[in-house]
Amino acid sequence: MIEPTQHPAQFVSLGSRRVFVRKSGQGRPVVFEAGAGEWSEHWTLVFERIGEDFLCISYDRAGLGLSDPQLGCRSAKVLAAELIELLDYLEIQTPAIFVGHSFGASIVRMISSLAPDRIAGIVFVDGWHESFADWERENVPNSETGPGKLMKLIEQAGLFRALNRFLNWVCLPKCPWSLDKDAWKSMLSITNSAQFHVAAKLEARAYTQTDKEIAAVSNIDVPIVCLVARHTISKEQVPSNYPLDDHNSAWCLSSSKLSQLSSNSVLKLLEDTDHMILLVRPDEVVAAIRELDHMICDDIP
């Protein structure tokens, strides 16, 4: 059993499954939604820096982190409904600030459609916008053949995960962020688990459906702060022939479109970070939450 490394934390029962939740602080609720292949632990550095001024809530989506898995369609609409169910269980009725990173932006957008009265404002953190899928289709070749297919078969057989576990036990890879050793080991253990890979693939299979769902959410009637990394990926993260500059330009343009969903929004382009703003520049996320809180207060008659 992998133990949580951040407290206070708890498991709550929603029907037949358990959901892992982290809560700290008091005041206006701030609900954190992680990106694809991420979970509550990825918000650790933000939690550490925001203090006790807000009631901060993060959780692990089904099958990710420490939460029990859930089969079936895992599109943004389904995930948003599950988050609303969790907030009902936690008795969070006061309109909250929602913070969505990457794919998590899609879930937050769906919350604004399914339960607009639950949202006081939104912080998008290098959030996914459906327009980037057009660039991907035109510029990223299909990797289902050759070495990519071979690695997929090895991974499905469990050999790749077993090798990763062995290497992590022999020599812990260097953490690229300012996390403590226990949190980093926990992340590696979870990402090497079969449950994690199944959950991540289920969400990925629903991406096309998710894009259709979020495209219908073209207006959000609350203040928005939109953080976008100008260089979301670096040359170390992609093959040498990958169109890196075009990717970053297209991502910056598409992610920035999230700020256009509201007539009351702030867009901030960040130079000194990659896609993982929440771990590279957690101070920027905290500052965005505080700025949004002021915007919300200014909006109140």
C-alpha atoms as a PDB file:
ATOM      1  CA  MET A   1       0.000   0.000   0.000  1.00  0.00           C
ATOM      2  CA  ILE A   2       1.416   3.388  -1.034  1.00  0.00           C
ATOM      3  CA  GLU A   3       1.120   5.836   1.836  1.00  0.00           C
ATOM      4  CA  PRO A   4       0.114   9.468   1.250  1.00  0.00           C
ATOM      5  CA  THR A   5       2.971  11.936   1.715  1.00  0.00           C
ATOM      6  CA  GLN A   6       0.916  15.084   2.243  1.00  0.00           C
ATOM      7  CA  HIS A   7      -1.451  15.763   5.156  1.00  0.00           C
ATOM      8  CA  PRO A   8      -4.203  16.282   6.154  1.00  0.00           C
ATOM      9  CA  ALA A   9      -5.644  13.641   3.847  1.00  0.00           C
ATOM     10  CA  GLN A  10      -8.458  11.130   3.883  1.00  0.00           C
ATOM     11  CA  PHE A  11     -10.275   8.475   1.911  1.00  0.00           C
ATOM     12  CA  VAL A  12     -13.980   9.068   1.348  1.00  0.00           C
ATOM     13  CA  SER A  13     -16.457   6.475   0.083  1.00  0.00           C
ATOM     14  CA  LEU A  14     -18.585   7.344  -2.930  1.00  0.00           C
ATOM     15  CA  GLY A  15     -20.764   4.346  -3.546  1.00  0.00           C
ATOM     16  CA  SER A  16     -18.557   1.286  -3.811  1.00  0.00           C
ATOM     17  CA  ARG A  17     -15.280   3.141  -4.448  1.00  0.00           C
ATOM     18  CA  ARG A  18     -12.889   5.172  -2.344  1.00  0.00           C
ATOM     19  CA  VAL A  19     -11.605   8.588  -3.359  1.00  0.00           C
ATOM     20  CA  PHE A  20      -8.434  10.063  -1.899  1.00  0.00           C
ATOM     21  CA  VAL A  21      -8.784  13.718  -0.873  1.00  0.00           C
ATOM     22  CA  ARG A  22      -6.402  16.332   0.553  1.00  0.00           C
ATOM     23  CA  LYS A  23      -7.764  19.350   2.458  1.00  0.00           C
ATOM     24  CA  SER A  24      -6.054  22.200   4.266  1.00  0.00           C
ATOM     25  CA  GLY A  25      -6.719  25.772   5.353  1.00  0.00           C
ATOM     26  CA  GLN A  26      -9.973  27.662   5.730  1.00  0.00           C
ATOM     27  CA  GLY A  27     -11.945  30.355   3.948  1.00  0.00           C
ATOM     28  CA  ARG A  28     -13.049  30.438   0.317  1.00  0.00           C
ATOM     29  CA  PRO A  29     -12.821  26.922  -1.190  1.00  0.00           C
ATOM     30  CA  VAL A  30     -10.199  26.357  -3.871  1.00  0.00           C
ATOM     31  CA  VAL A  31     -10.610  23.101  -5.798  1.00  0.00           C
ATOM     32  CA  PHE A  32      -7.581  21.778  -7.691  1.00  0.00           C
ATOM     33  CA  GLU A  33      -7.996  19.578 -10.770  1.00  0.00           C
ATOM     34  CA  ALA A  34      -4.877  17.769 -11.987  1.00  0.00           C
ATOM     35  CA  GLY A  35      -3.816  17.191 -15.573  1.00  0.00           C
ATOM     36  CA  ALA A  36      -3.615  13.958 -17.542  1.00  0.00           C
ATOM     37  CA  GLY A  37      -1.627  11.326 -15.674  1.00  0.00           C
ATOM     38  CA  GLU A  38      -1.484  13.510 -12.571  1.00  0.00           C
ATOM     39  CA  TRP A  39      -3.148  13.465  -9.170  1.00  0.00           C
ATOM     40  CA  SER A  40      -3.348  15.450  -5.924  1.00  0.00           C
ATOM     41  CA  GLU A  41       0.334  15.049  -5.061  1.00  0.00           C
ATOM     42  CA  HIS A  42       1.267  17.216  -8.036  1.00  0.00           C
ATOM     43  CA  TRP A  43      -0.272  20.188  -6.191  1.00  0.00           C
ATOM     44  CA  THR A  44       2.014  19.720  -3.158  1.00  0.00           C
ATOM     45  CA  LEU A  45       4.201  22.796  -3.733  1.00  0.00           C
ATOM     46  CA  VAL A  46       1.152  25.014  -4.298  1.00  0.00           C
ATOM     47  CA  PHE A  47      -0.422  23.750  -1.065  1.00  0.00           C
ATOM     48  CA  GLU A  48       2.810  24.492   0.823  1.00  0.00           C
ATOM     49  CA  ARG A  49       2.905  28.101  -0.390  1.00  0.00           C
ATOM     50  CA  ILE A  50      -0.718  29.187  -0.242  1.00  0.00           C
ATOM     51  CA  GLY A  51      -0.915  29.137   3.550  1.00  0.00           C
ATOM     52  CA  GLU A  52      -4.176  28.926   5.496  1.00  0.00           C
ATOM     53  CA  ASP A  53      -6.059  31.692   3.691  1.00  0.00           C
ATOM     54  CA  PHE A  54      -8.169  29.335   1.572  1.00  0.00           C
ATOM     55  CA  LEU A  55      -9.834  25.962   2.060  1.00  0.00           C
ATOM     56  CA  CYS A  56      -7.733  24.029  -0.456  1.00  0.00           C
ATOM     57  CA  ILE A  57      -9.075  20.744  -1.816  1.00  0.00           C
ATOM     58  CA  SER A  58      -7.327  18.371  -4.191  1.00  0.00           C
ATOM     59  CA  TYR A  59      -8.177  14.776  -4.968  1.00  0.00           C
ATOM     60  CA  ASP A  60      -7.162  11.779  -7.056  1.00  0.00           C
ATOM     61  CA  ARG A  61      -9.376  10.918 -10.018  1.00  0.00           C
ATOM     62  CA  ALA A  62     -10.453   7.280 -10.253  1.00  0.00           C
ATOM     63  CA  GLY A  63      -7.497   4.955 -10.808  1.00  0.00           C
ATOM     64  CA  LEU A  64      -4.947   7.746 -10.477  1.00  0.00           C
ATOM     65  CA  GLY A  65      -2.951   8.375  -7.322  1.00  0.00           C
ATOM     66  CA  LEU A  66      -4.556   6.469  -4.450  1.00  0.00           C
ATOM     67  CA  SER A  67      -8.208   6.449  -5.548  1.00  0.00           C
ATOM     68  CA  ASP A  68      -9.987   3.254  -6.555  1.00  0.00           C
ATOM     69  CA  PRO A  69     -10.366   2.666 -10.307  1.00  0.00           C
ATOM     70  CA  GLN A  70     -13.550   3.195 -12.283  1.00  0.00           C
ATOM     71  CA  LEU A  71     -14.278   1.622 -15.671  1.00  0.00           C
ATOM     72  CA  GLY A  72     -16.434   2.959 -18.488  1.00  0.00           C
ATOM     73  CA  CYS A  73     -16.321   6.283 -20.314  1.00  0.00           C
ATOM     74  CA  ARG A  74     -13.910   8.758 -18.709  1.00  0.00           C
ATOM     75  CA  SER A  75     -14.704  11.916 -20.674  1.00  0.00           C
ATOM     76  CA  ALA A  76     -14.612  15.379 -19.097  1.00  0.00           C
ATOM     77  CA  LYS A  77     -18.380  15.383 -18.564  1.00  0.00           C
ATOM     78  CA  VAL A  78     -18.213  12.119 -16.588  1.00  0.00           C
ATOM     79  CA  LEU A  79     -15.216  13.304 -14.566  1.00  0.00           C
ATOM     80  CA  ALA A  80     -16.888  16.647 -13.810  1.00  0.00           C
ATOM     81  CA  ALA A  81     -20.001  14.874 -12.542  1.00  0.00           C
ATOM     82  CA  GLU A  82     -17.822  12.757 -10.252  1.00  0.00           C
ATOM     83  CA  LEU A  83     -16.130  15.863  -8.894  1.00  0.00           C
ATOM     84  CA  ILE A  84     -19.513  17.467  -8.176  1.00  0.00           C
ATOM     85  CA  GLU A  85     -20.507  14.285  -6.317  1.00  0.00           C
ATOM     86  CA  LEU A  86     -17.313  14.526  -4.243  1.00  0.00           C
ATOM     87  CA  LEU A  87     -17.931  18.189  -3.388  1.00  0.00           C
ATOM     88  CA  ASP A  88     -21.467  17.316  -2.307  1.00  0.00           C
ATOM     89  CA  TYR A  89     -20.060  14.636  -0.004  1.00  0.00           C
ATOM     90  CA  LEU A  90     -17.566  17.138   1.442  1.00  0.00           C
ATOM     91  CA  GLU A  91     -20.426  19.649   1.885  1.00  0.00           C
ATOM     92  CA  ILE A  92     -18.664  22.283  -0.214  1.00  0.00           C
ATOM     93  CA  GLN A  93     -21.625  24.441  -1.243  1.00  0.00           C
ATOM     94  CA  THR A  94     -19.993  27.877  -1.273  1.00  0.00           C
ATOM     95  CA  PRO A  95     -18.956  28.888  -4.813  1.00  0.00           C
ATOM     96  CA  ALA A  96     -15.306  27.913  -5.172  1.00  0.00           C
ATOM     97  CA  ILE A  97     -12.259  28.901  -7.154  1.00  0.00           C
ATOM     98  CA  PHE A  98     -11.407  26.028  -9.503  1.00  0.00           C
ATOM     99  CA  VAL A  99      -7.814  25.550 -10.636  1.00  0.00           C
ATOM    100  CA  GLY A 100      -7.300  23.262 -13.629  1.00  0.00           C
ATOM    101  CA  HIS A 101      -3.933  22.196 -15.020  1.00  0.00           C
ATOM    102  CA  SER A 102      -3.601  20.943 -18.611  1.00  0.00           C
ATOM    103  CA  PHE A 103      -6.351  18.316 -19.191  1.00  0.00           C
ATOM    104  CA  GLY A 104      -7.843  19.422 -15.862  1.00  0.00           C
ATOM    105  CA  ALA A 105      -8.928  22.630 -17.603  1.00  0.00           C
ATOM    106  CA  SER A 106     -11.433  20.546 -19.589  1.00  0.00           C
ATOM    107  CA  ILE A 107     -12.990  19.138 -16.412  1.00  0.00           C
ATOM    108  CA  VAL A 108     -13.271  22.610 -14.891  1.00  0.00           C
ATOM    109  CA  ARG A 109     -14.964  23.894 -18.054  1.00  0.00           C
ATOM    110  CA  MET A 110     -17.515  21.113 -17.761  1.00  0.00           C
ATOM    111  CA  ILE A 111     -18.162  22.047 -14.119  1.00  0.00           C
ATOM    112  CA  SER A 112     -19.014  25.550 -15.316  1.00  0.00           C
ATOM    113  CA  SER A 113     -21.619  23.992 -17.615  1.00  0.00           C
ATOM    114  CA  LEU A 114     -23.038  21.307 -15.304  1.00  0.00           C
ATOM    115  CA  ALA A 115     -23.023  23.340 -12.082  1.00  0.00           C
ATOM    116  CA  PRO A 116     -22.317  27.035 -12.778  1.00  0.00           C
ATOM    117  CA  ASP A 117     -23.492  28.001  -9.293  1.00  0.00           C
ATOM    118  CA  ARG A 118     -20.540  26.065  -7.812  1.00  0.00           C
ATOM    119  CA  ILE A 119     -17.908  28.267  -9.487  1.00  0.00           C
ATOM    120  CA  ALA A 120     -16.769  31.709  -8.275  1.00  0.00           C
ATOM    121  CA  GLY A 121     -13.780  31.911 -10.628  1.00  0.00           C
ATOM    122  CA  ILE A 122     -11.277  29.816 -12.568  1.00  0.00           C
ATOM    123  CA  VAL A 123      -7.501  29.644 -12.820  1.00  0.00           C
ATOM    124  CA  PHE A 124      -6.358  27.810 -15.941  1.00  0.00           C
ATOM    125  CA  VAL A 125      -2.771  26.549 -15.603  1.00  0.00           C
ATOM    126  CA  ASP A 126      -1.367  25.859 -19.093  1.00  0.00           C
ATOM    127  CA  GLY A 127      -4.765  24.415 -19.832  1.00  0.00           C
ATOM    128  CA  TRP A 128      -5.805  22.226 -22.740  1.00  0.00           C
ATOM    129  CA  HIS A 129      -7.923  23.890 -25.421  1.00  0.00           C
ATOM    130  CA  GLU A 130      -9.520  21.743 -28.096  1.00  0.00           C
ATOM    131  CA  SER A 131      -8.033  23.824 -30.936  1.00  0.00           C
ATOM    132  CA  PHE A 132      -4.586  22.312 -30.257  1.00  0.00           C
ATOM    133  CA  ALA A 133      -5.870  18.929 -31.474  1.00  0.00           C
ATOM    134  CA  ASP A 134      -5.998  20.365 -35.018  1.00  0.00           C
ATOM    135  CA  TRP A 135      -2.281  21.178 -34.872  1.00  0.00           C
ATOM    136  CA  GLU A 136      -1.485  17.713 -33.517  1.00  0.00           C
ATOM    137  CA  ARG A 137      -3.391  15.960 -36.297  1.00  0.00           C
ATOM    138  CA  GLU A 138      -1.501  17.946 -38.927  1.00  0.00           C
ATOM    139  CA  ASN A 139       1.988  17.829 -37.431  1.00  0.00           C
ATOM    140  CA  VAL A 140       2.458  14.778 -35.183  1.00  0.00           C
ATOM    141  CA  PRO A 141       2.839  11.498 -37.102  1.00  0.00           C
ATOM    142  CA  ASN A 142       1.071   8.337 -35.948  1.00  0.00           C
ATOM    143  CA  SER A 143       3.426   6.399 -33.648  1.00  0.00           C
ATOM    144  CA  GLU A 144       1.571   3.075 -33.647  1.00  0.00           C
ATOM    145  CA  THR A 145       4.213   1.373 -35.831  1.00  0.00           C
ATOM    146  CA  GLY A 146       7.917   0.599 -35.441  1.00  0.00           C
ATOM    147  CA  PRO A 147       9.649   1.087 -32.058  1.00  0.00           C
ATOM    148  CA  GLY A 148       6.629   2.847 -30.583  1.00  0.00           C
ATOM    149  CA  LYS A 149       4.449  -0.202 -31.114  1.00  0.00           C
ATOM    150  CA  LEU A 150       7.145  -2.505 -29.721  1.00  0.00           C
ATOM    151  CA  MET A 151       7.497  -0.415 -26.525  1.00  0.00           C
ATOM    152  CA  LYS A 152       3.711  -0.433 -26.121  1.00  0.00           C
ATOM    153  CA  LEU A 153       3.628  -4.238 -26.330  1.00  0.00           C
ATOM    154  CA  ILE A 154       6.472  -4.559 -23.806  1.00  0.00           C
ATOM    155  CA  GLU A 155       4.708  -2.162 -21.435  1.00  0.00           C
ATOM    156  CA  GLN A 156       1.416  -4.040 -21.723  1.00  0.00           C
ATOM    157  CA  ALA A 157       3.267  -7.247 -20.845  1.00  0.00           C
ATOM    158  CA  GLY A 158       4.406  -5.604 -17.614  1.00  0.00           C
ATOM    159  CA  LEU A 159       8.120  -5.844 -18.425  1.00  0.00           C
ATOM    160  CA  PHE A 160       8.655  -2.113 -18.743  1.00  0.00           C
ATOM    161  CA  ARG A 161       7.005  -1.386 -15.397  1.00  0.00           C
ATOM    162  CA  ALA A 162       8.993  -4.160 -13.706  1.00  0.00           C
ATOM    163  CA  LEU A 163      12.252  -2.730 -15.098  1.00  0.00           C
ATOM    164  CA  ASN A 164      11.323   0.767 -13.909  1.00  0.00           C
ATOM    165  CA  ARG A 165      10.563  -0.513 -10.411  1.00  0.00           C
ATOM    166  CA  PHE A 166      13.924  -2.292 -10.290  1.00  0.00           C
ATOM    167  CA  LEU A 167      15.846   0.781 -11.462  1.00  0.00           C
ATOM    168  CA  ASN A 168      14.020   3.030  -8.988  1.00  0.00           C
ATOM    169  CA  TRP A 169      14.921   0.647  -6.160  1.00  0.00           C
ATOM    170  CA  VAL A 170      18.599   0.483  -7.180  1.00  0.00           C
ATOM    171  CA  CYS A 171      19.048   4.182  -7.958  1.00  0.00           C
ATOM    172  CA  LEU A 172      16.337   6.775  -7.396  1.00  0.00           C
ATOM    173  CA  PRO A 173      16.207   9.076 -10.459  1.00  0.00           C
ATOM    174  CA  LYS A 174      16.809  12.745  -9.774  1.00  0.00           C
ATOM    175  CA  CYS A 175      13.617  14.697  -9.192  1.00  0.00           C
ATOM    176  CA  PRO A 176      13.213  17.613 -11.654  1.00  0.00           C
ATOM    177  CA  TRP A 177      11.220  19.602  -9.089  1.00  0.00           C
ATOM    178  CA  SER A 178      11.615  20.771  -5.477  1.00  0.00           C
ATOM    179  CA  LEU A 179       9.763  17.820  -3.978  1.00  0.00           C
ATOM    180  CA  ASP A 180      11.007  15.920  -0.959  1.00  0.00           C
ATOM    181  CA  LYS A 181      12.295  12.378  -1.414  1.00  0.00           C
ATOM    182  CA  ASP A 182       9.168  10.657  -0.092  1.00  0.00           C
ATOM    183  CA  ALA A 183       6.847  12.566  -2.432  1.00  0.00           C
ATOM    184  CA  TRP A 184       9.107  11.815  -5.406  1.00  0.00           C
ATOM    185  CA  LYS A 185       9.294   8.099  -4.551  1.00  0.00           C
ATOM    186  CA  SER A 186       5.507   8.024  -4.204  1.00  0.00           C
ATOM    187  CA  MET A 187       5.079   9.571  -7.659  1.00  0.00           C
ATOM    188  CA  LEU A 188       7.423   7.039  -9.232  1.00  0.00           C
ATOM    189  CA  SER A 189       5.714   4.115  -7.510  1.00  0.00           C
ATOM    190  CA  ILE A 190       2.266   5.183  -8.666  1.00  0.00           C
ATOM    191  CA  THR A 191       3.280   5.864 -12.278  1.00  0.00           C
ATOM    192  CA  ASN A 192       4.816   2.374 -12.441  1.00  0.00           C
ATOM    193  CA  SER A 193       1.583   0.683 -11.346  1.00  0.00           C
ATOM    194  CA  ALA A 194      -0.745  -1.218 -13.664  1.00  0.00           C
ATOM    195  CA  GLN A 195      -3.782   0.602 -12.209  1.00  0.00           C
ATOM    196  CA  PHE A 196      -2.310   3.986 -13.166  1.00  0.00           C
ATOM    197  CA  HIS A 197      -1.683   2.955 -16.762  1.00  0.00           C
ATOM    198  CA  VAL A 198      -5.191   1.570 -17.190  1.00  0.00           C
ATOM    199  CA  ALA A 199      -6.786   4.738 -15.756  1.00  0.00           C
ATOM    200  CA  ALA A 200      -4.634   7.049 -17.887  1.00  0.00           C
ATOM    201  CA  LYS A 201      -5.497   5.085 -21.035  1.00  0.00           C
ATOM    202  CA  LEU A 202      -9.220   5.167 -20.253  1.00  0.00           C
ATOM    203  CA  GLU A 203      -9.105   8.965 -20.021  1.00  0.00           C
ATOM    204  CA  ALA A 204      -7.021   9.168 -23.206  1.00  0.00           C
ATOM    205  CA  ARG A 205      -9.496   7.034 -25.148  1.00  0.00           C
ATOM    206  CA  ALA A 206     -12.200   9.616 -24.343  1.00  0.00           C
ATOM    207  CA  TYR A 207     -10.187  12.660 -25.522  1.00  0.00           C
ATOM    208  CA  THR A 208     -12.181  13.017 -28.754  1.00  0.00           C
ATOM    209  CA  GLN A 209     -15.441  12.901 -26.801  1.00  0.00           C
ATOM    210  CA  THR A 210     -14.018  15.357 -24.263  1.00  0.00           C
ATOM    211  CA  ASP A 211     -13.142  17.842 -27.015  1.00  0.00           C
ATOM    212  CA  LYS A 212     -16.708  17.684 -28.332  1.00  0.00           C
ATOM    213  CA  GLU A 213     -18.079  18.276 -24.838  1.00  0.00           C
ATOM    214  CA  ILE A 214     -15.877  21.258 -23.974  1.00  0.00           C
ATOM    215  CA  ALA A 215     -16.290  22.897 -27.389  1.00  0.00           C
ATOM    216  CA  ALA A 216     -19.944  23.451 -26.418  1.00  0.00           C
ATOM    217  CA  VAL A 217     -18.805  25.494 -23.396  1.00  0.00           C
ATOM    218  CA  SER A 218     -17.985  28.731 -25.201  1.00  0.00           C
ATOM    219  CA  ASN A 219     -18.846  31.206 -22.450  1.00  0.00           C
ATOM    220  CA  ILE A 220     -18.106  31.190 -18.729  1.00  0.00           C
ATOM    221  CA  ASP A 221     -19.731  33.901 -16.656  1.00  0.00           C
ATOM    222  CA  VAL A 222     -17.079  34.170 -13.921  1.00  0.00           C
ATOM    223  CA  PRO A 223     -13.636  35.840 -13.687  1.00  0.00           C
ATOM    224  CA  ILE A 224     -10.710  33.881 -15.153  1.00  0.00           C
ATOM    225  CA  VAL A 225      -6.937  34.050 -14.704  1.00  0.00           C
ATOM    226  CA  CYS A 226      -5.138  32.132 -17.438  1.00  0.00           C
ATOM    227  CA  LEU A 227      -1.481  31.112 -16.997  1.00  0.00           C
ATOM    228  CA  VAL A 228       0.272  29.924 -20.152  1.00  0.00           C
ATOM    229  CA  ALA A 229       3.850  28.693 -20.569  1.00  0.00           C
ATOM    230  CA  ARG A 230       5.368  30.289 -23.662  1.00  0.00           C
ATOM    231  CA  HIS A 231       7.710  27.275 -23.996  1.00  0.00           C
ATOM    232  CA  THR A 232       5.578  24.397 -22.745  1.00  0.00           C
ATOM    233  CA  ILE A 233       8.043  21.691 -23.852  1.00  0.00           C
ATOM    234  CA  SER A 234      11.831  21.760 -24.335  1.00  0.00           C
ATOM    235  CA  LYS A 235      14.173  20.079 -26.802  1.00  0.00           C
ATOM    236  CA  GLU A 236      15.181  17.555 -24.132  1.00  0.00           C
ATOM    237  CA  GLN A 237      11.601  16.220 -24.066  1.00  0.00           C
ATOM    238  CA  VAL A 238      11.150  15.460 -27.774  1.00  0.00           C
ATOM    239  CA  PRO A 239      13.013  13.750 -30.653  1.00  0.00           C
ATOM    240  CA  SER A 240      15.537  15.889 -32.553  1.00  0.00           C
ATOM    241  CA  ASN A 241      13.278  16.170 -35.628  1.00  0.00           C
ATOM    242  CA  TYR A 242      10.190  17.231 -33.680  1.00  0.00           C
ATOM    243  CA  PRO A 243       8.714  20.651 -34.692  1.00  0.00           C
ATOM    244  CA  LEU A 244       9.410  22.103 -31.227  1.00  0.00           C
ATOM    245  CA  ASP A 245       9.033  25.809 -31.973  1.00  0.00           C
ATOM    246  CA  ASP A 246       5.825  25.251 -33.917  1.00  0.00           C
ATOM    247  CA  HIS A 247       4.469  23.107 -31.080  1.00  0.00           C
ATOM    248  CA  ASN A 248       5.166  25.759 -28.462  1.00  0.00           C
ATOM    249  CA  SER A 249       3.682  28.535 -30.588  1.00  0.00           C
ATOM    250  CA  ALA A 250       0.555  26.516 -31.346  1.00  0.00           C
ATOM    251  CA  TRP A 251       0.135  25.493 -27.692  1.00  0.00           C
ATOM    252  CA  CYS A 252       0.599  29.064 -26.470  1.00  0.00           C
ATOM    253  CA  LEU A 253      -2.025  30.284 -28.934  1.00  0.00           C
ATOM    254  CA  SER A 254      -4.545  27.550 -28.127  1.00  0.00           C
ATOM    255  CA  SER A 255      -4.127  27.646 -24.334  1.00  0.00           C
ATOM    256  CA  SER A 256      -4.460  31.436 -24.384  1.00  0.00           C
ATOM    257  CA  LYS A 257      -7.911  31.035 -25.939  1.00  0.00           C
ATOM    258  CA  LEU A 258      -9.189  29.876 -22.546  1.00  0.00           C
ATOM    259  CA  SER A 259      -8.955  33.492 -21.374  1.00  0.00           C
ATOM    260  CA  GLN A 260     -11.494  34.415 -24.085  1.00  0.00           C
ATOM    261  CA  LEU A 261     -14.209  32.303 -22.436  1.00  0.00           C
ATOM    262  CA  SER A 262     -14.963  35.147 -20.024  1.00  0.00           C
ATOM    263  CA  SER A 263     -15.344  38.887 -20.512  1.00  0.00           C
ATOM    264  CA  ASN A 264     -13.521  39.360 -17.191  1.00  0.00           C
ATOM    265  CA  SER A 265     -10.169  37.643 -17.589  1.00  0.00           C
ATOM    266  CA  VAL A 266      -6.418  38.075 -17.171  1.00  0.00           C
ATOM    267  CA  LEU A 267      -3.894  36.318 -19.410  1.00  0.00           C
ATOM    268  CA  LYS A 268      -0.312  35.808 -18.210  1.00  0.00           C
ATOM    269  CA  LEU A 269       2.378  34.361 -20.479  1.00  0.00           C
ATOM    270  CA  LEU A 270       5.219  32.844 -18.459  1.00  0.00           C
ATOM    271  CA  GLU A 271       8.749  32.607 -19.843  1.00  0.00           C
ATOM    272  CA  ASP A 272      10.674  30.776 -17.105  1.00  0.00           C
ATOM    273  CA  THR A 273       8.728  27.522 -16.897  1.00  0.00           C
ATOM    274  CA  ASP A 274       7.577  24.557 -18.928  1.00  0.00           C
ATOM    275  CA  HIS A 275       4.182  22.859 -18.946  1.00  0.00           C
ATOM    276  CA  MET A 276       4.479  21.854 -15.277  1.00  0.00           C
ATOM    277  CA  ILE A 277       3.923  25.374 -13.949  1.00  0.00           C
ATOM    278  CA  LEU A 278       2.429  23.983 -10.741  1.00  0.00           C
ATOM    279  CA  LEU A 279       5.780  22.335  -9.883  1.00  0.00           C
ATOM    280  CA  VAL A 280       8.254  24.707 -11.561  1.00  0.00           C
ATOM    281  CA  ARG A 281       6.586  28.000 -10.568  1.00  0.00           C
ATOM    282  CA  PRO A 282       4.046  27.201  -7.824  1.00  0.00           C
ATOM    283  CA  ASP A 283       4.365  30.821  -6.698  1.00  0.00           C
ATOM    284  CA  GLU A 284       2.736  31.910  -9.977  1.00  0.00           C
ATOM    285  CA  VAL A 285      -0.229  29.633  -9.315  1.00  0.00           C
ATOM    286  CA  VAL A 286      -0.619  30.995  -5.784  1.00  0.00           C
ATOM    287  CA  ALA A 287      -0.391  34.576  -7.066  1.00  0.00           C
ATOM    288  CA  ALA A 288      -3.045  33.806  -9.697  1.00  0.00           C
ATOM    289  CA  ILE A 289      -5.400  32.397  -7.054  1.00  0.00           C
ATOM    290  CA  ARG A 290      -4.973  35.497  -4.879  1.00  0.00           C
ATOM    291  CA  GLU A 291      -5.471  37.814  -7.862  1.00  0.00           C
ATOM    292  CA  LEU A 292      -8.598  35.942  -8.871  1.00  0.00           C
ATOM    293  CA  ASP A 293      -9.936  36.168  -5.318  1.00  0.00           C
ATOM    294  CA  HIS A 294      -9.581  39.980  -5.513  1.00  0.00           C
ATOM    295  CA  MET A 295     -11.323  39.988  -8.922  1.00  0.00           C
ATOM    296  CA  ILE A 296     -14.224  38.014  -7.448  1.00  0.00           C
ATOM    297  CA  CYS A 297     -14.533  40.428  -4.500  1.00  0.00           C
ATOM    298  CA  ASP A 298     -14.492  43.403  -6.874  1.00  0.00           C
ATOM    299  CA  ASP A 299     -17.312  41.792  -8.869  1.00  0.00           C
ATOM    300  CA  ILE A 300     -19.592  41.561  -5.848  1.00  0.00           C
ATOM    301  CA  PRO A 301     -22.016  44.533  -5.791  1.00  0.00           C
END
